[in-house]
Amino acid sequence: MKRWASVAWWALAMALVGALPYLNTLESGFTFDDNGLVVLNPYVPAHASLAAPFVGPSTSGSQYRPLTMVTYLLNHRAGGGPFAFHLTNVALFGLSTGMAFLLARALSRSVAVGVGTALVWAVHPIHTEGVASVTGRAEILAAFWMMAALLLLQLRLDAAAGPRRLVAALGSLAAFAAE
């Protein structure tokens, strides 16, 4: 139990480190595609039910991202201003950084490798657009859920036969489907 508590603290620390580089986005407004996809999306208006994104298109074109749209709807209900949307992106990116740590640590069985991987993930410039632009949330969520699916798959491989193995397998499939 002590080992998992230590891993959890490292994951939390890495999540906080992941959020730090993007705190400056909290004062930003909506940018470029944010207005069409988030603020004025005719397919998922701000007053839509939380089930609406699951029964129709998310946007014009061929995108179907119901979980991302649900997070947008929840942001609209929490105030709807750009601050809430950017705060959610920063928090989700922090969680994805924690997930990067957990996955790297599980695969390498090394806290040092997990920390190093999470630090590179946290500060890599490729994430800037995904976090700073509200419409980039889909990429953050996709990365988070894919890493969660891989982590659960690794846990399944590590588990002996039995209920833990089945739960890890089902969890991995659910995380993959959420992506």
N, C-alpha and C. Protein backbone atom coordinates (compact mmCIF):
# COMPACT_ATOMS: atom_id res chain seq x y z
N MET A 1 0.82 -1.20 0.00
CA MET A 1 0.00 0.00 0.00
C MET A 1 0.86 1.25 0.00
N LYS A 2 1.97 1.19 0.72
CA LYS A 2 2.86 2.35 0.79
C LYS A 2 3.42 2.68 -0.60
N ARG A 3 3.74 1.64 -1.38
CA ARG A 3 4.28 1.85 -2.72
C ARG A 3 3.27 2.60 -3.59
N TRP A 4 1.99 2.21 -3.55
CA TRP A 4 0.98 2.87 -4.36
C TRP A 4 0.73 4.30 -3.90
N ALA A 5 0.84 4.54 -2.59
CA ALA A 5 0.69 5.91 -2.09
C ALA A 5 1.80 6.79 -2.64
N SER A 6 3.00 6.26 -2.69
CA SER A 6 4.13 7.01 -3.25
C SER A 6 3.90 7.30 -4.73
N VAL A 7 3.44 6.30 -5.47
CA VAL A 7 3.17 6.48 -6.90
C VAL A 7 2.06 7.52 -7.10
N ALA A 8 1.03 7.48 -6.26
CA ALA A 8 -0.06 8.45 -6.36
C ALA A 8 0.45 9.87 -6.11
N TRP A 9 1.31 10.04 -5.12
CA TRP A 9 1.87 11.37 -4.85
C TRP A 9 2.70 11.86 -6.03
N TRP A 10 3.49 10.98 -6.63
CA TRP A 10 4.26 11.38 -7.80
C TRP A 10 3.34 11.76 -8.95
N ALA A 11 2.27 11.01 -9.16
CA ALA A 11 1.32 11.33 -10.23
C ALA A 11 0.67 12.68 -9.99
N LEU A 12 0.31 12.96 -8.75
CA LEU A 12 -0.28 14.27 -8.42
C LEU A 12 0.73 15.39 -8.66
N ALA A 13 1.96 15.16 -8.24
CA ALA A 13 3.00 16.17 -8.44
C ALA A 13 3.21 16.43 -9.93
N MET A 14 3.21 15.38 -10.72
CA MET A 14 3.39 15.54 -12.17
C MET A 14 2.18 16.25 -12.80
N ALA A 15 0.98 15.98 -12.28
CA ALA A 15 -0.21 16.68 -12.77
C ALA A 15 -0.09 18.18 -12.51
N LEU A 16 0.39 18.55 -11.35
CA LEU A 16 0.57 19.97 -11.03
C LEU A 16 1.64 20.58 -11.92
N VAL A 17 2.73 19.85 -12.14
CA VAL A 17 3.79 20.34 -13.03
C VAL A 17 3.25 20.52 -14.44
N GLY A 18 2.38 19.63 -14.88
CA GLY A 18 1.79 19.74 -16.21
C GLY A 18 0.90 20.95 -16.37
N ALA A 19 0.24 21.35 -15.30
CA ALA A 19 -0.65 22.52 -15.36
C ALA A 19 0.13 23.84 -15.35
N LEU A 20 1.26 23.87 -14.69
CA LEU A 20 2.01 25.12 -14.51
C LEU A 20 2.33 25.87 -15.80
N PRO A 21 2.85 25.23 -16.84
CA PRO A 21 3.22 26.00 -18.03
C PRO A 21 2.04 26.69 -18.72
N TYR A 22 0.83 26.27 -18.41
CA TYR A 22 -0.33 26.79 -19.13
C TYR A 22 -1.24 27.68 -18.29
N LEU A 23 -0.80 28.01 -17.09
CA LEU A 23 -1.61 28.89 -16.25
C LEU A 23 -1.81 30.26 -16.90
N ASN A 24 -0.87 30.67 -17.74
CA ASN A 24 -1.02 31.96 -18.41
C ASN A 24 -2.16 31.99 -19.43
N THR A 25 -2.70 30.83 -19.79
CA THR A 25 -3.82 30.81 -20.74
C THR A 25 -5.15 31.13 -20.07
N LEU A 26 -5.18 31.14 -18.74
CA LEU A 26 -6.45 31.35 -18.03
C LEU A 26 -7.05 32.73 -18.30
N GLU A 27 -6.24 33.69 -18.65
CA GLU A 27 -6.73 35.04 -18.92
C GLU A 27 -7.06 35.25 -20.39
N SER A 28 -6.90 34.23 -21.21
CA SER A 28 -7.15 34.35 -22.64
C SER A 28 -8.63 34.30 -22.95
N GLY A 29 -8.97 34.83 -24.09
CA GLY A 29 -10.34 34.73 -24.57
C GLY A 29 -10.48 33.53 -25.48
N PHE A 30 -11.59 33.49 -26.19
CA PHE A 30 -11.78 32.44 -27.17
C PHE A 30 -10.98 32.80 -28.42
N THR A 31 -10.47 31.79 -29.11
CA THR A 31 -9.64 32.04 -30.29
C THR A 31 -10.15 31.25 -31.48
N PHE A 32 -9.86 31.73 -32.64
CA PHE A 32 -10.10 31.08 -33.92
C PHE A 32 -11.32 30.17 -33.94
N ASP A 33 -11.11 28.85 -33.91
CA ASP A 33 -12.21 27.89 -34.05
C ASP A 33 -13.09 27.79 -32.81
N ASP A 34 -12.68 28.38 -31.70
CA ASP A 34 -13.45 28.26 -30.47
C ASP A 34 -14.88 28.77 -30.64
N ASN A 35 -15.04 29.86 -31.36
CA ASN A 35 -16.39 30.43 -31.51
C ASN A 35 -17.32 29.47 -32.25
N GLY A 36 -16.86 28.91 -33.35
CA GLY A 36 -17.72 28.02 -34.13
C GLY A 36 -17.95 26.67 -33.49
N LEU A 37 -16.96 26.15 -32.81
CA LEU A 37 -17.07 24.80 -32.25
C LEU A 37 -17.62 24.78 -30.82
N VAL A 38 -17.36 25.85 -30.08
CA VAL A 38 -17.71 25.84 -28.66
C VAL A 38 -18.83 26.82 -28.34
N VAL A 39 -18.63 28.08 -28.66
CA VAL A 39 -19.55 29.12 -28.23
C VAL A 39 -20.86 29.11 -29.02
N LEU A 40 -20.76 29.00 -30.34
CA LEU A 40 -21.95 29.10 -31.19
C LEU A 40 -22.24 27.82 -31.96
N ASN A 41 -21.84 26.69 -31.45
CA ASN A 41 -22.02 25.42 -32.16
C ASN A 41 -23.51 25.12 -32.33
N PRO A 42 -24.01 25.12 -33.59
CA PRO A 42 -25.43 24.87 -33.80
C PRO A 42 -25.84 23.42 -33.52
N TYR A 43 -24.89 22.51 -33.50
CA TYR A 43 -25.20 21.11 -33.26
C TYR A 43 -25.32 20.79 -31.78
N VAL A 44 -24.63 21.55 -30.96
CA VAL A 44 -24.68 21.35 -29.52
C VAL A 44 -24.77 22.72 -28.85
N PRO A 45 -25.98 23.32 -28.85
CA PRO A 45 -26.10 24.63 -28.20
C PRO A 45 -25.89 24.53 -26.69
N ALA A 46 -25.55 25.65 -26.09
CA ALA A 46 -25.21 25.68 -24.66
C ALA A 46 -26.33 25.15 -23.76
N HIS A 47 -27.57 25.23 -24.21
CA HIS A 47 -28.70 24.78 -23.39
C HIS A 47 -29.10 23.32 -23.68
N ALA A 48 -28.34 22.62 -24.51
CA ALA A 48 -28.66 21.24 -24.87
C ALA A 48 -28.51 20.31 -23.67
N SER A 49 -29.18 19.18 -23.75
CA SER A 49 -29.04 18.19 -22.68
C SER A 49 -27.67 17.51 -22.80
N LEU A 50 -27.23 16.90 -21.72
CA LEU A 50 -25.93 16.22 -21.74
C LEU A 50 -25.95 14.99 -22.64
N ALA A 51 -27.13 14.52 -23.02
CA ALA A 51 -27.23 13.38 -23.92
C ALA A 51 -27.15 13.80 -25.38
N ALA A 52 -27.38 15.07 -25.66
CA ALA A 52 -27.42 15.55 -27.05
C ALA A 52 -26.19 15.21 -27.86
N PRO A 53 -24.98 15.34 -27.32
CA PRO A 53 -23.80 15.03 -28.14
C PRO A 53 -23.69 13.56 -28.56
N PHE A 54 -24.41 12.67 -27.89
CA PHE A 54 -24.33 11.25 -28.21
C PHE A 54 -25.27 10.83 -29.33
N VAL A 55 -26.25 11.67 -29.67
CA VAL A 55 -27.26 11.27 -30.64
C VAL A 55 -27.18 12.02 -31.96
N GLY A 56 -26.21 12.88 -32.10
CA GLY A 56 -26.07 13.62 -33.35
C GLY A 56 -24.63 14.02 -33.57
N PRO A 57 -24.41 14.75 -34.64
CA PRO A 57 -23.03 15.17 -34.92
C PRO A 57 -22.55 16.19 -33.88
N SER A 58 -21.25 16.22 -33.70
CA SER A 58 -20.66 17.18 -32.77
C SER A 58 -20.43 18.52 -33.46
N THR A 59 -20.08 18.47 -34.72
CA THR A 59 -19.79 19.67 -35.49
C THR A 59 -20.16 19.40 -36.94
N SER A 60 -20.07 20.43 -37.74
CA SER A 60 -20.26 20.20 -39.17
C SER A 60 -19.08 19.36 -39.65
N GLY A 61 -19.30 18.57 -40.65
CA GLY A 61 -18.24 17.68 -41.11
C GLY A 61 -18.41 16.31 -40.50
N SER A 62 -17.32 15.61 -40.35
CA SER A 62 -17.40 14.22 -39.92
C SER A 62 -16.92 13.98 -38.50
N GLN A 63 -16.85 15.00 -37.69
CA GLN A 63 -16.36 14.80 -36.32
C GLN A 63 -17.48 14.34 -35.40
N TYR A 64 -17.18 13.30 -34.65
CA TYR A 64 -18.10 12.81 -33.63
C TYR A 64 -17.30 12.70 -32.35
N ARG A 65 -17.44 13.70 -31.49
CA ARG A 65 -16.67 13.76 -30.24
C ARG A 65 -17.62 14.05 -29.07
N PRO A 66 -18.44 13.07 -28.72
CA PRO A 66 -19.47 13.34 -27.72
C PRO A 66 -18.92 13.68 -26.34
N LEU A 67 -17.87 13.02 -25.88
CA LEU A 67 -17.36 13.33 -24.53
C LEU A 67 -16.76 14.73 -24.48
N THR A 68 -16.10 15.13 -25.54
CA THR A 68 -15.57 16.50 -25.60
C THR A 68 -16.72 17.50 -25.56
N MET A 69 -17.77 17.23 -26.31
CA MET A 69 -18.92 18.14 -26.33
C MET A 69 -19.61 18.20 -24.96
N VAL A 70 -19.65 17.08 -24.26
CA VAL A 70 -20.23 17.08 -22.91
C VAL A 70 -19.42 18.00 -22.00
N THR A 71 -18.09 17.95 -22.12
CA THR A 71 -17.28 18.85 -21.28
C THR A 71 -17.55 20.30 -21.63
N TYR A 72 -17.77 20.60 -22.91
CA TYR A 72 -18.11 21.98 -23.29
C TYR A 72 -19.45 22.39 -22.69
N LEU A 73 -20.42 21.48 -22.74
CA LEU A 73 -21.73 21.79 -22.14
C LEU A 73 -21.61 22.05 -20.65
N LEU A 74 -20.81 21.24 -19.96
CA LEU A 74 -20.60 21.45 -18.53
C LEU A 74 -19.92 22.79 -18.26
N ASN A 75 -18.98 23.17 -19.12
CA ASN A 75 -18.35 24.48 -18.98
C ASN A 75 -19.36 25.61 -19.18
N HIS A 76 -20.25 25.45 -20.17
CA HIS A 76 -21.29 26.45 -20.38
C HIS A 76 -22.15 26.60 -19.13
N ARG A 77 -22.48 25.50 -18.51
CA ARG A 77 -23.33 25.53 -17.31
C ARG A 77 -22.61 26.07 -16.09
N ALA A 78 -21.28 26.01 -16.10
CA ALA A 78 -20.50 26.52 -14.96
C ALA A 78 -20.16 28.00 -15.14
N GLY A 79 -20.71 28.62 -16.12
CA GLY A 79 -20.45 30.05 -16.30
C GLY A 79 -20.30 30.44 -17.75
N GLY A 80 -19.72 29.58 -18.53
CA GLY A 80 -19.66 29.81 -19.96
C GLY A 80 -18.61 30.78 -20.45
N GLY A 81 -17.94 31.47 -19.57
CA GLY A 81 -16.90 32.40 -20.02
C GLY A 81 -15.63 31.67 -20.40
N PRO A 82 -14.73 32.37 -21.09
CA PRO A 82 -13.49 31.72 -21.51
C PRO A 82 -12.65 31.19 -20.35
N PHE A 83 -12.70 31.83 -19.19
CA PHE A 83 -11.89 31.37 -18.05
C PHE A 83 -12.22 29.93 -17.70
N ALA A 84 -13.50 29.59 -17.61
CA ALA A 84 -13.91 28.22 -17.24
C ALA A 84 -13.41 27.21 -18.27
N PHE A 85 -13.50 27.56 -19.54
CA PHE A 85 -13.05 26.65 -20.58
C PHE A 85 -11.54 26.44 -20.52
N HIS A 86 -10.79 27.53 -20.35
CA HIS A 86 -9.34 27.42 -20.29
C HIS A 86 -8.90 26.69 -19.02
N LEU A 87 -9.58 26.94 -17.90
CA LEU A 87 -9.25 26.24 -16.66
C LEU A 87 -9.45 24.74 -16.82
N THR A 88 -10.51 24.35 -17.49
CA THR A 88 -10.76 22.93 -17.74
C THR A 88 -9.65 22.33 -18.60
N ASN A 89 -9.25 23.03 -19.65
CA ASN A 89 -8.16 22.53 -20.50
C ASN A 89 -6.87 22.35 -19.70
N VAL A 90 -6.54 23.35 -18.87
CA VAL A 90 -5.32 23.27 -18.06
C VAL A 90 -5.41 22.09 -17.09
N ALA A 91 -6.55 21.93 -16.44
CA ALA A 91 -6.72 20.82 -15.50
C ALA A 91 -6.64 19.47 -16.22
N LEU A 92 -7.29 19.36 -17.38
CA LEU A 92 -7.24 18.10 -18.12
C LEU A 92 -5.82 17.80 -18.60
N PHE A 93 -5.08 18.83 -19.01
CA PHE A 93 -3.70 18.59 -19.41
C PHE A 93 -2.86 18.16 -18.21
N GLY A 94 -3.11 18.75 -17.06
CA GLY A 94 -2.42 18.30 -15.86
C GLY A 94 -2.70 16.83 -15.59
N LEU A 95 -3.97 16.43 -15.72
CA LEU A 95 -4.31 15.01 -15.54
C LEU A 95 -3.62 14.12 -16.57
N SER A 96 -3.52 14.61 -17.80
CA SER A 96 -2.84 13.80 -18.82
C SER A 96 -1.35 13.67 -18.51
N THR A 97 -0.76 14.69 -17.89
CA THR A 97 0.64 14.60 -17.49
C THR A 97 0.81 13.57 -16.38
N GLY A 98 -0.13 13.57 -15.42
CA GLY A 98 -0.11 12.53 -14.39
C GLY A 98 -0.28 11.14 -14.98
N MET A 99 -1.13 11.03 -15.99
CA MET A 99 -1.34 9.74 -16.65
C MET A 99 -0.09 9.32 -17.40
N ALA A 100 0.61 10.27 -18.02
CA ALA A 100 1.88 9.95 -18.71
C ALA A 100 2.88 9.38 -17.71
N PHE A 101 2.92 9.98 -16.52
CA PHE A 101 3.80 9.44 -15.47
C PHE A 101 3.40 8.00 -15.12
N LEU A 102 2.12 7.79 -14.86
CA LEU A 102 1.67 6.45 -14.45
C LEU A 102 1.97 5.40 -15.51
N LEU A 103 1.73 5.75 -16.77
CA LEU A 103 1.98 4.78 -17.85
C LEU A 103 3.47 4.49 -17.98
N ALA A 104 4.30 5.55 -18.00
CA ALA A 104 5.75 5.33 -18.14
C ALA A 104 6.30 4.56 -16.95
N ARG A 105 5.79 4.85 -15.77
CA ARG A 105 6.25 4.15 -14.57
C ARG A 105 5.84 2.68 -14.61
N ALA A 106 4.62 2.42 -15.07
CA ALA A 106 4.15 1.03 -15.14
C ALA A 106 4.94 0.23 -16.18
N LEU A 107 5.25 0.85 -17.31
CA LEU A 107 5.96 0.14 -18.36
C LEU A 107 7.43 -0.07 -18.01
N SER A 108 8.04 0.91 -17.36
CA SER A 108 9.47 0.82 -17.05
C SER A 108 9.75 0.28 -15.65
N ARG A 109 8.73 0.34 -14.80
CA ARG A 109 8.86 -0.04 -13.39
C ARG A 109 9.89 0.85 -12.67
N SER A 110 9.97 2.11 -13.14
CA SER A 110 10.93 3.06 -12.59
C SER A 110 10.25 4.41 -12.38
N VAL A 111 10.30 4.91 -11.15
CA VAL A 111 9.75 6.24 -10.88
C VAL A 111 10.54 7.30 -11.64
N ALA A 112 11.85 7.13 -11.73
CA ALA A 112 12.69 8.12 -12.42
C ALA A 112 12.30 8.22 -13.90
N VAL A 113 12.07 7.10 -14.55
CA VAL A 113 11.64 7.12 -15.96
C VAL A 113 10.26 7.76 -16.07
N GLY A 114 9.37 7.44 -15.14
CA GLY A 114 8.04 8.04 -15.14
C GLY A 114 8.10 9.55 -14.99
N VAL A 115 8.92 10.02 -14.06
CA VAL A 115 9.06 11.47 -13.84
C VAL A 115 9.65 12.12 -15.08
N GLY A 116 10.70 11.54 -15.62
CA GLY A 116 11.33 12.11 -16.81
C GLY A 116 10.37 12.19 -17.98
N THR A 117 9.61 11.14 -18.19
CA THR A 117 8.62 11.11 -19.27
C THR A 117 7.56 12.18 -19.05
N ALA A 118 7.05 12.27 -17.84
CA ALA A 118 6.01 13.25 -17.54
C ALA A 118 6.52 14.67 -17.69
N LEU A 119 7.76 14.92 -17.31
CA LEU A 119 8.33 16.26 -17.45
C LEU A 119 8.47 16.65 -18.92
N VAL A 120 8.91 15.72 -19.75
CA VAL A 120 8.99 16.01 -21.19
C VAL A 120 7.59 16.24 -21.74
N TRP A 121 6.64 15.40 -21.35
CA TRP A 121 5.26 15.57 -21.78
C TRP A 121 4.73 16.95 -21.37
N ALA A 122 5.01 17.36 -20.15
CA ALA A 122 4.46 18.61 -19.61
C ALA A 122 4.95 19.84 -20.35
N VAL A 123 6.20 19.84 -20.77
CA VAL A 123 6.76 21.06 -21.34
C VAL A 123 6.98 20.99 -22.84
N HIS A 124 6.62 19.90 -23.47
CA HIS A 124 6.85 19.79 -24.91
C HIS A 124 5.98 20.83 -25.64
N PRO A 125 6.59 21.62 -26.52
CA PRO A 125 5.84 22.70 -27.17
C PRO A 125 4.72 22.24 -28.09
N ILE A 126 4.69 20.99 -28.47
CA ILE A 126 3.62 20.52 -29.36
C ILE A 126 2.24 20.62 -28.68
N HIS A 127 2.22 20.66 -27.35
CA HIS A 127 0.95 20.70 -26.63
C HIS A 127 0.35 22.11 -26.53
N THR A 128 1.10 23.12 -26.90
CA THR A 128 0.66 24.50 -26.71
C THR A 128 -0.70 24.76 -27.33
N GLU A 129 -0.87 24.42 -28.59
CA GLU A 129 -2.15 24.70 -29.25
C GLU A 129 -3.28 23.88 -28.64
N GLY A 130 -2.98 22.64 -28.29
CA GLY A 130 -4.00 21.78 -27.71
C GLY A 130 -4.52 22.28 -26.38
N VAL A 131 -3.69 22.95 -25.61
CA VAL A 131 -4.11 23.44 -24.30
C VAL A 131 -4.60 24.88 -24.39
N ALA A 132 -3.92 25.72 -25.14
CA ALA A 132 -4.25 27.14 -25.19
C ALA A 132 -5.54 27.41 -25.97
N SER A 133 -5.86 26.59 -26.94
CA SER A 133 -7.08 26.74 -27.71
C SER A 133 -8.13 25.80 -27.13
N VAL A 134 -9.29 26.32 -26.84
CA VAL A 134 -10.33 25.48 -26.23
C VAL A 134 -10.67 24.30 -27.12
N THR A 135 -10.65 24.49 -28.43
CA THR A 135 -10.97 23.39 -29.35
C THR A 135 -9.93 22.28 -29.31
N GLY A 136 -8.78 22.54 -28.71
CA GLY A 136 -7.75 21.52 -28.57
C GLY A 136 -8.07 20.49 -27.51
N ARG A 137 -9.14 20.70 -26.79
CA ARG A 137 -9.52 19.77 -25.71
C ARG A 137 -9.68 18.34 -26.20
N ALA A 138 -10.15 18.17 -27.42
CA ALA A 138 -10.34 16.82 -27.95
C ALA A 138 -9.02 16.06 -27.98
N GLU A 139 -7.94 16.75 -28.32
CA GLU A 139 -6.63 16.09 -28.36
C GLU A 139 -6.15 15.74 -26.96
N ILE A 140 -6.39 16.62 -26.00
CA ILE A 140 -6.00 16.34 -24.61
C ILE A 140 -6.75 15.11 -24.11
N LEU A 141 -8.06 15.09 -24.34
CA LEU A 141 -8.87 13.95 -23.88
C LEU A 141 -8.47 12.66 -24.60
N ALA A 142 -8.19 12.76 -25.90
CA ALA A 142 -7.78 11.56 -26.64
C ALA A 142 -6.47 10.99 -26.08
N ALA A 143 -5.52 11.88 -25.79
CA ALA A 143 -4.25 11.42 -25.23
C ALA A 143 -4.47 10.80 -23.85
N PHE A 144 -5.27 11.45 -23.02
CA PHE A 144 -5.54 10.94 -21.67
C PHE A 144 -6.15 9.54 -21.74
N TRP A 145 -7.22 9.40 -22.54
CA TRP A 145 -7.92 8.11 -22.58
C TRP A 145 -7.08 7.02 -23.22
N MET A 146 -6.26 7.37 -24.21
CA MET A 146 -5.40 6.36 -24.82
C MET A 146 -4.35 5.88 -23.81
N MET A 147 -3.75 6.84 -23.08
CA MET A 147 -2.77 6.42 -22.06
C MET A 147 -3.44 5.61 -20.96
N ALA A 148 -4.67 5.96 -20.60
CA ALA A 148 -5.40 5.19 -19.58
C ALA A 148 -5.67 3.77 -20.08
N ALA A 149 -6.04 3.65 -21.36
CA ALA A 149 -6.29 2.32 -21.93
C ALA A 149 -5.02 1.48 -21.91
N LEU A 150 -3.90 2.09 -22.28
CA LEU A 150 -2.63 1.36 -22.27
C LEU A 150 -2.20 0.99 -20.86
N LEU A 151 -2.41 1.90 -19.91
CA LEU A 151 -2.06 1.61 -18.51
C LEU A 151 -2.89 0.44 -17.99
N LEU A 152 -4.18 0.46 -18.25
CA LEU A 152 -5.04 -0.63 -17.80
C LEU A 152 -4.69 -1.95 -18.50
N LEU A 153 -4.30 -1.86 -19.75
CA LEU A 153 -3.86 -3.06 -20.45
C LEU A 153 -2.60 -3.62 -19.80
N GLN A 154 -1.68 -2.74 -19.42
CA GLN A 154 -0.46 -3.18 -18.73
C GLN A 154 -0.81 -3.82 -17.39
N LEU A 155 -1.74 -3.20 -16.67
CA LEU A 155 -2.17 -3.77 -15.38
C LEU A 155 -2.81 -5.14 -15.59
N ARG A 156 -3.54 -5.30 -16.68
CA ARG A 156 -4.15 -6.59 -16.99
C ARG A 156 -3.07 -7.63 -17.23
N LEU A 157 -2.04 -7.24 -17.97
CA LEU A 157 -0.96 -8.18 -18.25
C LEU A 157 -0.21 -8.57 -16.99
N ASP A 158 -0.12 -7.63 -16.05
CA ASP A 158 0.59 -7.90 -14.79
C ASP A 158 -0.24 -8.72 -13.80
N ALA A 159 -1.56 -8.66 -13.94
CA ALA A 159 -2.44 -9.32 -12.97
C ALA A 159 -2.51 -10.82 -13.24
N ALA A 160 -2.64 -11.55 -12.17
CA ALA A 160 -2.87 -12.99 -12.30
C ALA A 160 -4.29 -13.19 -12.79
N ALA A 161 -4.58 -14.37 -13.27
CA ALA A 161 -5.93 -14.67 -13.72
C ALA A 161 -6.91 -14.43 -12.59
N GLY A 162 -8.05 -13.91 -12.92
CA GLY A 162 -9.06 -13.67 -11.90
C GLY A 162 -9.79 -12.37 -12.14
N PRO A 163 -10.56 -11.91 -11.15
CA PRO A 163 -11.39 -10.73 -11.34
C PRO A 163 -10.60 -9.45 -11.63
N ARG A 164 -9.42 -9.29 -11.03
CA ARG A 164 -8.62 -8.08 -11.28
C ARG A 164 -8.21 -7.99 -12.74
N ARG A 165 -7.90 -9.12 -13.31
CA ARG A 165 -7.49 -9.16 -14.72
C ARG A 165 -8.67 -8.78 -15.62
N LEU A 166 -9.84 -9.29 -15.31
CA LEU A 166 -11.04 -8.99 -16.09
C LEU A 166 -11.42 -7.52 -15.96
N VAL A 167 -11.37 -6.98 -14.75
CA VAL A 167 -11.69 -5.55 -14.53
C VAL A 167 -10.71 -4.67 -15.30
N ALA A 168 -9.43 -5.00 -15.28
CA ALA A 168 -8.44 -4.22 -16.01
C ALA A 168 -8.69 -4.28 -17.51
N ALA A 169 -9.06 -5.45 -18.02
CA ALA A 169 -9.34 -5.60 -19.44
C ALA A 169 -10.57 -4.80 -19.84
N LEU A 170 -11.62 -4.88 -19.06
CA LEU A 170 -12.84 -4.12 -19.36
C LEU A 170 -12.59 -2.61 -19.23
N GLY A 171 -11.82 -2.22 -18.22
CA GLY A 171 -11.47 -0.83 -18.07
C GLY A 171 -10.66 -0.31 -19.24
N SER A 172 -9.74 -1.13 -19.73
CA SER A 172 -8.94 -0.75 -20.89
C SER A 172 -9.82 -0.56 -22.12
N LEU A 173 -10.76 -1.45 -22.33
CA LEU A 173 -11.69 -1.31 -23.45
C LEU A 173 -12.55 -0.06 -23.31
N ALA A 174 -13.01 0.22 -22.10
CA ALA A 174 -13.85 1.40 -21.88
C ALA A 174 -13.05 2.69 -22.12
N ALA A 175 -11.80 2.72 -21.65
CA ALA A 175 -10.97 3.90 -21.87
C ALA A 175 -10.67 4.08 -23.35
N PHE A 176 -10.43 2.98 -24.04
CA PHE A 176 -10.19 3.05 -25.48
C PHE A 176 -11.42 3.58 -26.20
N ALA A 177 -12.60 3.12 -25.79
CA ALA A 177 -13.84 3.59 -26.41
C ALA A 177 -14.09 5.06 -26.12
N ALA A 178 -13.68 5.53 -24.94
CA ALA A 178 -13.87 6.94 -24.58
C ALA A 178 -13.00 7.84 -25.44
N GLU A 179 -11.88 7.31 -25.88
CA GLU A 179 -10.96 8.09 -26.70
C GLU A 179 -11.64 8.45 -27.99
